[in-house]
Amino acid sequence: MGNEQDILLGFAQQGLWTAALASAPLLIPVLVVGIAVGLFQAVTSINEATLSFVPKLLVVALVLALFGATILGVVADFAREMYARIPDVLN
């Protein structure tokens, strides 16, 4: 019983790590752009919602174009490994 719990805990840990690896290339550039746009809006007193949304949207599109295949590869490798380890859980 303890071995199954260790395996499932390993699945959860690896799933969280994979989620962090898949989301970091998107979240970090959007965070930087959001802070820069927020500073620009604070300095110029421009409170336009689209001014903060459009640059973030463009950054997400650019990052997905550049790193989308790598992110998909990380998620696909995780899924393959999880499916390959199903017999370990069932035994």
PDB file of N, CA and C in Angstrom:
ATOM      1  N   MET A   1       0.817  -1.194   0.000  1.00  0.00           N
ATOM      2  CA  MET A   1       0.000   0.000   0.000  1.00  0.00           C
ATOM      3  C   MET A   1       0.861   1.259   0.000  1.00  0.00           C
ATOM      4  N   GLY A   2       1.947   1.240   0.731  1.00  0.00           N
ATOM      5  CA  GLY A   2       2.827   2.399   0.794  1.00  0.00           C
ATOM      6  C   GLY A   2       3.503   2.693  -0.530  1.00  0.00           C
ATOM      7  N   ASN A   3       3.841   1.633  -1.278  1.00  0.00           N
ATOM      8  CA  ASN A   3       4.507   1.816  -2.566  1.00  0.00           C
ATOM      9  C   ASN A   3       3.575   2.511  -3.562  1.00  0.00           C
ATOM     10  N   GLU A   4       2.287   2.152  -3.545  1.00  0.00           N
ATOM     11  CA  GLU A   4       1.325   2.788  -4.443  1.00  0.00           C
ATOM     12  C   GLU A   4       1.173   4.271  -4.115  1.00  0.00           C
ATOM     13  N   GLN A   5       1.178   4.582  -2.839  1.00  0.00           N
ATOM     14  CA  GLN A   5       1.071   5.981  -2.432  1.00  0.00           C
ATOM     15  C   GLN A   5       2.295   6.769  -2.888  1.00  0.00           C
ATOM     16  N   ASP A   6       3.469   6.156  -2.790  1.00  0.00           N
ATOM     17  CA  ASP A   6       4.691   6.825  -3.251  1.00  0.00           C
ATOM     18  C   ASP A   6       4.643   7.070  -4.758  1.00  0.00           C
ATOM     19  N   ILE A   7       4.129   6.090  -5.496  1.00  0.00           N
ATOM     20  CA  ILE A   7       4.026   6.235  -6.945  1.00  0.00           C
ATOM     21  C   ILE A   7       3.055   7.359  -7.295  1.00  0.00           C
ATOM     22  N   LEU A   8       1.901   7.386  -6.635  1.00  0.00           N
ATOM     23  CA  LEU A   8       0.915   8.431  -6.920  1.00  0.00           C
ATOM     24  C   LEU A   8       1.413   9.803  -6.488  1.00  0.00           C
ATOM     25  N   LEU A   9       2.135   9.863  -5.399  1.00  0.00           N
ATOM     26  CA  LEU A   9       2.724  11.127  -4.971  1.00  0.00           C
ATOM     27  C   LEU A   9       3.770  11.596  -5.986  1.00  0.00           C
ATOM     28  N   GLY A  10       4.528  10.663  -6.533  1.00  0.00           N
ATOM     29  CA  GLY A  10       5.488  10.992  -7.589  1.00  0.00           C
ATOM     30  C   GLY A  10       4.792  11.500  -8.833  1.00  0.00           C
ATOM     31  N   PHE A  11       3.638  10.894  -9.181  1.00  0.00           N
ATOM     32  CA  PHE A  11       2.848  11.379 -10.320  1.00  0.00           C
ATOM     33  C   PHE A  11       2.431  12.831 -10.095  1.00  0.00           C
ATOM     34  N   ALA A  12       1.912  13.102  -8.903  1.00  0.00           N
ATOM     35  CA  ALA A  12       1.448  14.460  -8.599  1.00  0.00           C
ATOM     36  C   ALA A  12       2.596  15.457  -8.630  1.00  0.00           C
ATOM     37  N   GLN A  13       3.730  15.071  -8.063  1.00  0.00           N
ATOM     38  CA  GLN A  13       4.889  15.960  -8.041  1.00  0.00           C
ATOM     39  C   GLN A  13       5.381  16.233  -9.463  1.00  0.00           C
ATOM     40  N   GLN A  14       5.454  15.195 -10.267  1.00  0.00           N
ATOM     41  CA  GLN A  14       5.908  15.369 -11.641  1.00  0.00           C
ATOM     42  C   GLN A  14       4.896  16.178 -12.451  1.00  0.00           C
ATOM     43  N   GLY A  15       3.609  16.009 -12.160  1.00  0.00           N
ATOM     44  CA  GLY A  15       2.581  16.786 -12.847  1.00  0.00           C
ATOM     45  C   GLY A  15       2.685  18.272 -12.526  1.00  0.00           C
ATOM     46  N   LEU A  16       2.924  18.592 -11.262  1.00  0.00           N
ATOM     47  CA  LEU A  16       3.097  19.994 -10.883  1.00  0.00           C
ATOM     48  C   LEU A  16       4.342  20.595 -11.521  1.00  0.00           C
ATOM     49  N   TRP A  17       5.419  19.824 -11.553  1.00  0.00           N
ATOM     50  CA  TRP A  17       6.655  20.309 -12.160  1.00  0.00           C
ATOM     51  C   TRP A  17       6.455  20.538 -13.667  1.00  0.00           C
ATOM     52  N   THR A  18       5.746  19.618 -14.322  1.00  0.00           N
ATOM     53  CA  THR A  18       5.475  19.769 -15.747  1.00  0.00           C
ATOM     54  C   THR A  18       4.595  20.988 -16.005  1.00  0.00           C
ATOM     55  N   ALA A  19       3.610  21.209 -15.151  1.00  0.00           N
ATOM     56  CA  ALA A  19       2.753  22.391 -15.294  1.00  0.00           C
ATOM     57  C   ALA A  19       3.567  23.670 -15.146  1.00  0.00           C
ATOM     58  N   ALA A  20       4.510  23.684 -14.214  1.00  0.00           N
ATOM     59  CA  ALA A  20       5.364  24.866 -14.037  1.00  0.00           C
ATOM     60  C   ALA A  20       6.254  25.077 -15.259  1.00  0.00           C
ATOM     61  N   LEU A  21       6.818  23.995 -15.782  1.00  0.00           N
ATOM     62  CA  LEU A  21       7.673  24.117 -16.970  1.00  0.00           C
ATOM     63  C   LEU A  21       6.886  24.560 -18.195  1.00  0.00           C
ATOM     64  N   ALA A  22       5.640  24.117 -18.304  1.00  0.00           N
ATOM     65  CA  ALA A  22       4.836  24.472 -19.470  1.00  0.00           C
ATOM     66  C   ALA A  22       4.299  25.900 -19.390  1.00  0.00           C
ATOM     67  N   SER A  23       4.051  26.380 -18.182  1.00  0.00           N
ATOM     68  CA  SER A  23       3.444  27.708 -18.056  1.00  0.00           C
ATOM     69  C   SER A  23       4.457  28.835 -17.872  1.00  0.00           C
ATOM     70  N   ALA A  24       5.639  28.533 -17.388  1.00  0.00           N
ATOM     71  CA  ALA A  24       6.635  29.588 -17.132  1.00  0.00           C
ATOM     72  C   ALA A  24       7.019  30.378 -18.388  1.00  0.00           C
ATOM     73  N   PRO A  25       7.231  29.735 -19.544  1.00  0.00           N
ATOM     74  CA  PRO A  25       7.579  30.538 -20.724  1.00  0.00           C
ATOM     75  C   PRO A  25       6.483  31.520 -21.132  1.00  0.00           C
ATOM     76  N   LEU A  26       5.251  31.258 -20.745  1.00  0.00           N
ATOM     77  CA  LEU A  26       4.167  32.183 -21.041  1.00  0.00           C
ATOM     78  C   LEU A  26       4.005  33.247 -19.954  1.00  0.00           C
ATOM     79  N   LEU A  27       4.062  32.815 -18.713  1.00  0.00           N
ATOM     80  CA  LEU A  27       3.741  33.722 -17.613  1.00  0.00           C
ATOM     81  C   LEU A  27       4.819  34.770 -17.347  1.00  0.00           C
ATOM     82  N   ILE A  28       6.071  34.398 -17.459  1.00  0.00           N
ATOM     83  CA  ILE A  28       7.150  35.337 -17.127  1.00  0.00           C
ATOM     84  C   ILE A  28       7.186  36.526 -18.095  1.00  0.00           C
ATOM     85  N   PRO A  29       7.156  36.315 -19.414  1.00  0.00           N
ATOM     86  CA  PRO A  29       7.140  37.492 -20.304  1.00  0.00           C
ATOM     87  C   PRO A  29       5.880  38.351 -20.136  1.00  0.00           C
ATOM     88  N   VAL A  30       4.728  37.711 -19.900  1.00  0.00           N
ATOM     89  CA  VAL A  30       3.500  38.476 -19.702  1.00  0.00           C
ATOM     90  C   VAL A  30       3.589  39.301 -18.427  1.00  0.00           C
ATOM     91  N   LEU A  31       4.200  38.755 -17.393  1.00  0.00           N
ATOM     92  CA  LEU A  31       4.388  39.492 -16.151  1.00  0.00           C
ATOM     93  C   LEU A  31       5.267  40.723 -16.379  1.00  0.00           C
ATOM     94  N   VAL A  32       6.352  40.547 -17.098  1.00  0.00           N
ATOM     95  CA  VAL A  32       7.267  41.664 -17.375  1.00  0.00           C
ATOM     96  C   VAL A  32       6.561  42.746 -18.193  1.00  0.00           C
ATOM     97  N   VAL A  33       5.820  42.332 -19.227  1.00  0.00           N
ATOM     98  CA  VAL A  33       5.103  43.304 -20.049  1.00  0.00           C
ATOM     99  C   VAL A  33       4.012  43.994 -19.235  1.00  0.00           C
ATOM    100  N   GLY A  34       3.334  43.248 -18.387  1.00  0.00           N
ATOM    101  CA  GLY A  34       2.294  43.838 -17.551  1.00  0.00           C
ATOM    102  C   GLY A  34       2.835  44.889 -16.602  1.00  0.00           C
ATOM    103  N   ILE A  35       3.983  44.608 -16.008  1.00  0.00           N
ATOM    104  CA  ILE A  35       4.611  45.589 -15.114  1.00  0.00           C
ATOM    105  C   ILE A  35       5.050  46.825 -15.899  1.00  0.00           C
ATOM    106  N   ALA A  36       5.646  46.610 -17.072  1.00  0.00           N
ATOM    107  CA  ALA A  36       6.093  47.748 -17.883  1.00  0.00           C
ATOM    108  C   ALA A  36       4.913  48.614 -18.326  1.00  0.00           C
ATOM    109  N   VAL A  37       3.831  47.986 -18.763  1.00  0.00           N
ATOM    110  CA  VAL A  37       2.652  48.745 -19.185  1.00  0.00           C
ATOM    111  C   VAL A  37       2.019  49.441 -17.993  1.00  0.00           C
ATOM    112  N   GLY A  38       1.987  48.785 -16.841  1.00  0.00           N
ATOM    113  CA  GLY A  38       1.446  49.402 -15.634  1.00  0.00           C
ATOM    114  C   GLY A  38       2.239  50.625 -15.217  1.00  0.00           C
ATOM    115  N   LEU A  39       3.558  50.527 -15.302  1.00  0.00           N
ATOM    116  CA  LEU A  39       4.394  51.696 -15.006  1.00  0.00           C
ATOM    117  C   LEU A  39       4.144  52.824 -15.996  1.00  0.00           C
ATOM    118  N   PHE A  40       4.028  52.472 -17.279  1.00  0.00           N
ATOM    119  CA  PHE A  40       3.749  53.481 -18.294  1.00  0.00           C
ATOM    120  C   PHE A  40       2.404  54.165 -18.034  1.00  0.00           C
ATOM    121  N   GLN A  41       1.400  53.367 -17.671  1.00  0.00           N
ATOM    122  CA  GLN A  41       0.090  53.942 -17.387  1.00  0.00           C
ATOM    123  C   GLN A  41       0.128  54.818 -16.141  1.00  0.00           C
ATOM    124  N   ALA A  42       0.897  54.427 -15.148  1.00  0.00           N
ATOM    125  CA  ALA A  42       0.991  55.236 -13.938  1.00  0.00           C
ATOM    126  C   ALA A  42       1.715  56.550 -14.198  1.00  0.00           C
ATOM    127  N   VAL A  43       2.749  56.502 -15.010  1.00  0.00           N
ATOM    128  CA  VAL A  43       3.524  57.710 -15.296  1.00  0.00           C
ATOM    129  C   VAL A  43       2.718  58.684 -16.154  1.00  0.00           C
ATOM    130  N   THR A  44       1.992  58.161 -17.126  1.00  0.00           N
ATOM    131  CA  THR A  44       1.276  59.032 -18.049  1.00  0.00           C
ATOM    132  C   THR A  44      -0.178  59.272 -17.655  1.00  0.00           C
ATOM    133  N   SER A  45      -0.656  58.628 -16.602  1.00  0.00           N
ATOM    134  CA  SER A  45      -2.048  58.736 -16.130  1.00  0.00           C
ATOM    135  C   SER A  45      -3.057  58.321 -17.196  1.00  0.00           C
ATOM    136  N   ILE A  46      -2.668  57.389 -18.043  1.00  0.00           N
ATOM    137  CA  ILE A  46      -3.582  56.830 -19.041  1.00  0.00           C
ATOM    138  C   ILE A  46      -4.183  55.561 -18.448  1.00  0.00           C
ATOM    139  N   ASN A  47      -5.493  55.555 -18.278  1.00  0.00           N
ATOM    140  CA  ASN A  47      -6.166  54.386 -17.704  1.00  0.00           C
ATOM    141  C   ASN A  47      -7.052  53.730 -18.754  1.00  0.00           C
ATOM    142  N   GLU A  48      -6.435  53.166 -19.730  1.00  0.00           N
ATOM    143  CA  GLU A  48      -7.156  52.500 -20.810  1.00  0.00           C
ATOM    144  C   GLU A  48      -6.951  50.995 -20.660  1.00  0.00           C
ATOM    145  N   ALA A  49      -8.043  50.233 -20.589  1.00  0.00           N
ATOM    146  CA  ALA A  49      -7.952  48.789 -20.367  1.00  0.00           C
ATOM    147  C   ALA A  49      -7.293  48.070 -21.534  1.00  0.00           C
ATOM    148  N   THR A  50      -7.572  48.518 -22.747  1.00  0.00           N
ATOM    149  CA  THR A  50      -6.990  47.838 -23.908  1.00  0.00           C
ATOM    150  C   THR A  50      -5.486  48.053 -23.997  1.00  0.00           C
ATOM    151  N   LEU A  51      -5.004  49.129 -23.408  1.00  0.00           N
ATOM    152  CA  LEU A  51      -3.566  49.388 -23.429  1.00  0.00           C
ATOM    153  C   LEU A  51      -2.802  48.320 -22.654  1.00  0.00           C
ATOM    154  N   SER A  52      -3.411  47.759 -21.629  1.00  0.00           N
ATOM    155  CA  SER A  52      -2.727  46.699 -20.881  1.00  0.00           C
ATOM    156  C   SER A  52      -3.020  45.321 -21.454  1.00  0.00           C
ATOM    157  N   PHE A  53      -4.135  45.154 -22.163  1.00  0.00           N
ATOM    158  CA  PHE A  53      -4.521  43.844 -22.670  1.00  0.00           C
ATOM    159  C   PHE A  53      -3.826  43.484 -23.971  1.00  0.00           C
ATOM    160  N   VAL A  54      -3.780  44.390 -24.903  1.00  0.00           N
ATOM    161  CA  VAL A  54      -3.248  44.104 -26.241  1.00  0.00           C
ATOM    162  C   VAL A  54      -1.764  43.726 -26.215  1.00  0.00           C
ATOM    163  N   PRO A  55      -0.894  44.449 -25.496  1.00  0.00           N
ATOM    164  CA  PRO A  55       0.511  44.015 -25.476  1.00  0.00           C
ATOM    165  C   PRO A  55       0.695  42.625 -24.860  1.00  0.00           C
ATOM    166  N   LYS A  56      -0.078  42.316 -23.824  1.00  0.00           N
ATOM    167  CA  LYS A  56       0.016  40.977 -23.224  1.00  0.00           C
ATOM    168  C   LYS A  56      -0.430  39.907 -24.212  1.00  0.00           C
ATOM    169  N   LEU A  57      -1.478  40.189 -24.943  1.00  0.00           N
ATOM    170  CA  LEU A  57      -1.967  39.249 -25.946  1.00  0.00           C
ATOM    171  C   LEU A  57      -0.929  39.020 -27.045  1.00  0.00           C
ATOM    172  N   LEU A  58      -0.288  40.088 -27.477  1.00  0.00           N
ATOM    173  CA  LEU A  58       0.753  39.963 -28.501  1.00  0.00           C
ATOM    174  C   LEU A  58       1.954  39.171 -27.983  1.00  0.00           C
ATOM    175  N   VAL A  59       2.321  39.386 -26.724  1.00  0.00           N
ATOM    176  CA  VAL A  59       3.445  38.643 -26.143  1.00  0.00           C
ATOM    177  C   VAL A  59       3.109  37.164 -26.039  1.00  0.00           C
ATOM    178  N   VAL A  60       1.897  36.835 -25.629  1.00  0.00           N
ATOM    179  CA  VAL A  60       1.488  35.431 -25.556  1.00  0.00           C
ATOM    180  C   VAL A  60       1.551  34.787 -26.936  1.00  0.00           C
ATOM    181  N   ALA A  61       1.066  35.483 -27.955  1.00  0.00           N
ATOM    182  CA  ALA A  61       1.115  34.940 -29.316  1.00  0.00           C
ATOM    183  C   ALA A  61       2.555  34.731 -29.776  1.00  0.00           C
ATOM    184  N   LEU A  62       3.423  35.684 -29.482  1.00  0.00           N
ATOM    185  CA  LEU A  62       4.827  35.565 -29.871  1.00  0.00           C
ATOM    186  C   LEU A  62       5.518  34.411 -29.144  1.00  0.00           C
ATOM    187  N   VAL A  63       5.279  34.310 -27.852  1.00  0.00           N
ATOM    188  CA  VAL A  63       5.912  33.235 -27.073  1.00  0.00           C
ATOM    189  C   VAL A  63       5.405  31.871 -27.521  1.00  0.00           C
ATOM    190  N   LEU A  64       4.102  31.766 -27.800  1.00  0.00           N
ATOM    191  CA  LEU A  64       3.580  30.491 -28.292  1.00  0.00           C
ATOM    192  C   LEU A  64       4.158  30.140 -29.659  1.00  0.00           C
ATOM    193  N   ALA A  65       4.371  31.139 -30.493  1.00  0.00           N
ATOM    194  CA  ALA A  65       4.981  30.880 -31.795  1.00  0.00           C
ATOM    195  C   ALA A  65       6.421  30.402 -31.647  1.00  0.00           C
ATOM    196  N   LEU A  66       7.138  30.975 -30.668  1.00  0.00           N
ATOM    197  CA  LEU A  66       8.543  30.611 -30.481  1.00  0.00           C
ATOM    198  C   LEU A  66       8.720  29.313 -29.702  1.00  0.00           C
ATOM    199  N   PHE A  67       7.955  29.151 -28.618  1.00  0.00           N
ATOM    200  CA  PHE A  67       8.178  28.026 -27.706  1.00  0.00           C
ATOM    201  C   PHE A  67       7.035  27.027 -27.660  1.00  0.00           C
ATOM    202  N   GLY A  68       6.045  27.169 -28.533  1.00  0.00           N
ATOM    203  CA  GLY A  68       4.888  26.277 -28.500  1.00  0.00           C
ATOM    204  C   GLY A  68       5.251  24.815 -28.701  1.00  0.00           C
ATOM    205  N   ALA A  69       6.144  24.546 -29.623  1.00  0.00           N
ATOM    206  CA  ALA A  69       6.543  23.158 -29.883  1.00  0.00           C
ATOM    207  C   ALA A  69       7.271  22.559 -28.684  1.00  0.00           C
ATOM    208  N   THR A  70       8.094  23.353 -28.039  1.00  0.00           N
ATOM    209  CA  THR A  70       8.818  22.870 -26.859  1.00  0.00           C
ATOM    210  C   THR A  70       7.854  22.597 -25.709  1.00  0.00           C
ATOM    211  N   ILE A  71       6.908  23.502 -25.506  1.00  0.00           N
ATOM    212  CA  ILE A  71       5.918  23.303 -24.444  1.00  0.00           C
ATOM    213  C   ILE A  71       5.092  22.056 -24.718  1.00  0.00           C
ATOM    214  N   LEU A  72       4.665  21.898 -25.962  1.00  0.00           N
ATOM    215  CA  LEU A  72       3.894  20.715 -26.327  1.00  0.00           C
ATOM    216  C   LEU A  72       4.718  19.441 -26.146  1.00  0.00           C
ATOM    217  N   GLY A  73       5.998  19.494 -26.444  1.00  0.00           N
ATOM    218  CA  GLY A  73       6.874  18.339 -26.239  1.00  0.00           C
ATOM    219  C   GLY A  73       6.998  17.964 -24.777  1.00  0.00           C
ATOM    220  N   VAL A  74       7.111  18.953 -23.904  1.00  0.00           N
ATOM    221  CA  VAL A  74       7.200  18.682 -22.463  1.00  0.00           C
ATOM    222  C   VAL A  74       5.925  18.012 -21.973  1.00  0.00           C
ATOM    223  N   VAL A  75       4.771  18.526 -22.392  1.00  0.00           N
ATOM    224  CA  VAL A  75       3.492  17.961 -21.961  1.00  0.00           C
ATOM    225  C   VAL A  75       3.295  16.565 -22.554  1.00  0.00           C
ATOM    226  N   ALA A  76       3.685  16.367 -23.803  1.00  0.00           N
ATOM    227  CA  ALA A  76       3.546  15.055 -24.438  1.00  0.00           C
ATOM    228  C   ALA A  76       4.461  14.026 -23.781  1.00  0.00           C
ATOM    229  N   ASP A  77       5.677  14.414 -23.440  1.00  0.00           N
ATOM    230  CA  ASP A  77       6.581  13.496 -22.734  1.00  0.00           C
ATOM    231  C   ASP A  77       6.007  13.094 -21.379  1.00  0.00           C
ATOM    232  N   PHE A  78       5.420  14.047 -20.683  1.00  0.00           N
ATOM    233  CA  PHE A  78       4.787  13.748 -19.395  1.00  0.00           C
ATOM    234  C   PHE A  78       3.638  12.758 -19.583  1.00  0.00           C
ATOM    235  N   ALA A  79       2.797  12.991 -20.582  1.00  0.00           N
ATOM    236  CA  ALA A  79       1.665  12.097 -20.820  1.00  0.00           C
ATOM    237  C   ALA A  79       2.142  10.696 -21.192  1.00  0.00           C
ATOM    238  N   ARG A  80       3.174  10.605 -22.056  1.00  0.00           N
ATOM    239  CA  ARG A  80       3.708   9.292 -22.416  1.00  0.00           C
ATOM    240  C   ARG A  80       4.239   8.547 -21.201  1.00  0.00           C
ATOM    241  N   GLU A  81       4.954   9.273 -20.344  1.00  0.00           N
ATOM    242  CA  GLU A  81       5.509   8.629 -19.151  1.00  0.00           C
ATOM    243  C   GLU A  81       4.414   8.184 -18.192  1.00  0.00           C
ATOM    244  N   MET A  82       3.373   8.978 -18.054  1.00  0.00           N
ATOM    245  CA  MET A  82       2.270   8.592 -17.168  1.00  0.00           C
ATOM    246  C   MET A  82       1.567   7.343 -17.692  1.00  0.00           C
ATOM    247  N   TYR A  83       1.318   7.284 -19.005  1.00  0.00           N
ATOM    248  CA  TYR A  83       0.686   6.095 -19.572  1.00  0.00           C
ATOM    249  C   TYR A  83       1.590   4.872 -19.451  1.00  0.00           C
ATOM    250  N   ALA A  84       2.883   5.063 -19.567  1.00  0.00           N
ATOM    251  CA  ALA A  84       3.811   3.934 -19.457  1.00  0.00           C
ATOM    252  C   ALA A  84       3.894   3.417 -18.018  1.00  0.00           C
ATOM    253  N   ARG A  85       3.599   4.256 -17.044  1.00  0.00           N
ATOM    254  CA  ARG A  85       3.698   3.853 -15.634  1.00  0.00           C
ATOM    255  C   ARG A  85       2.392   3.339 -15.057  1.00  0.00           C
ATOM    256  N   ILE A  86       1.332   3.274 -15.861  1.00  0.00           N
ATOM    257  CA  ILE A  86       0.053   2.738 -15.374  1.00  0.00           C
ATOM    258  C   ILE A  86       0.189   1.314 -14.864  1.00  0.00           C
ATOM    259  N   PRO A  87       0.910   0.424 -15.540  1.00  0.00           N
ATOM    260  CA  PRO A  87       1.038  -0.942 -15.003  1.00  0.00           C
ATOM    261  C   PRO A  87       1.722  -0.976 -13.616  1.00  0.00           C
ATOM    262  N   ASP A  88       2.588  -0.049 -13.323  1.00  0.00           N
ATOM    263  CA  ASP A  88       3.214  -0.017 -11.999  1.00  0.00           C
ATOM    264  C   ASP A  88       2.180   0.258 -10.903  1.00  0.00           C
ATOM    265  N   VAL A  89       1.189   1.050 -11.222  1.00  0.00           N
ATOM    266  CA  VAL A  89       0.162   1.379 -10.234  1.00  0.00           C
ATOM    267  C   VAL A  89      -0.812   0.196 -10.077  1.00  0.00           C
ATOM    268  N   LEU A  90      -1.117  -0.470 -11.165  1.00  0.00           N
ATOM    269  CA  LEU A  90      -2.089  -1.552 -11.117  1.00  0.00           C
ATOM    270  C   LEU A  90      -1.543  -2.826 -10.483  1.00  0.00           C
ATOM    271  N   ASN A  91      -0.245  -2.997 -10.468  1.00  0.00           N
ATOM    272  CA  ASN A  91       0.349  -4.220  -9.866  1.00  0.00           C
ATOM    273  C   ASN A  91       0.495  -4.106  -8.384  1.00  0.00           C
TER     274      ASN A  91
END
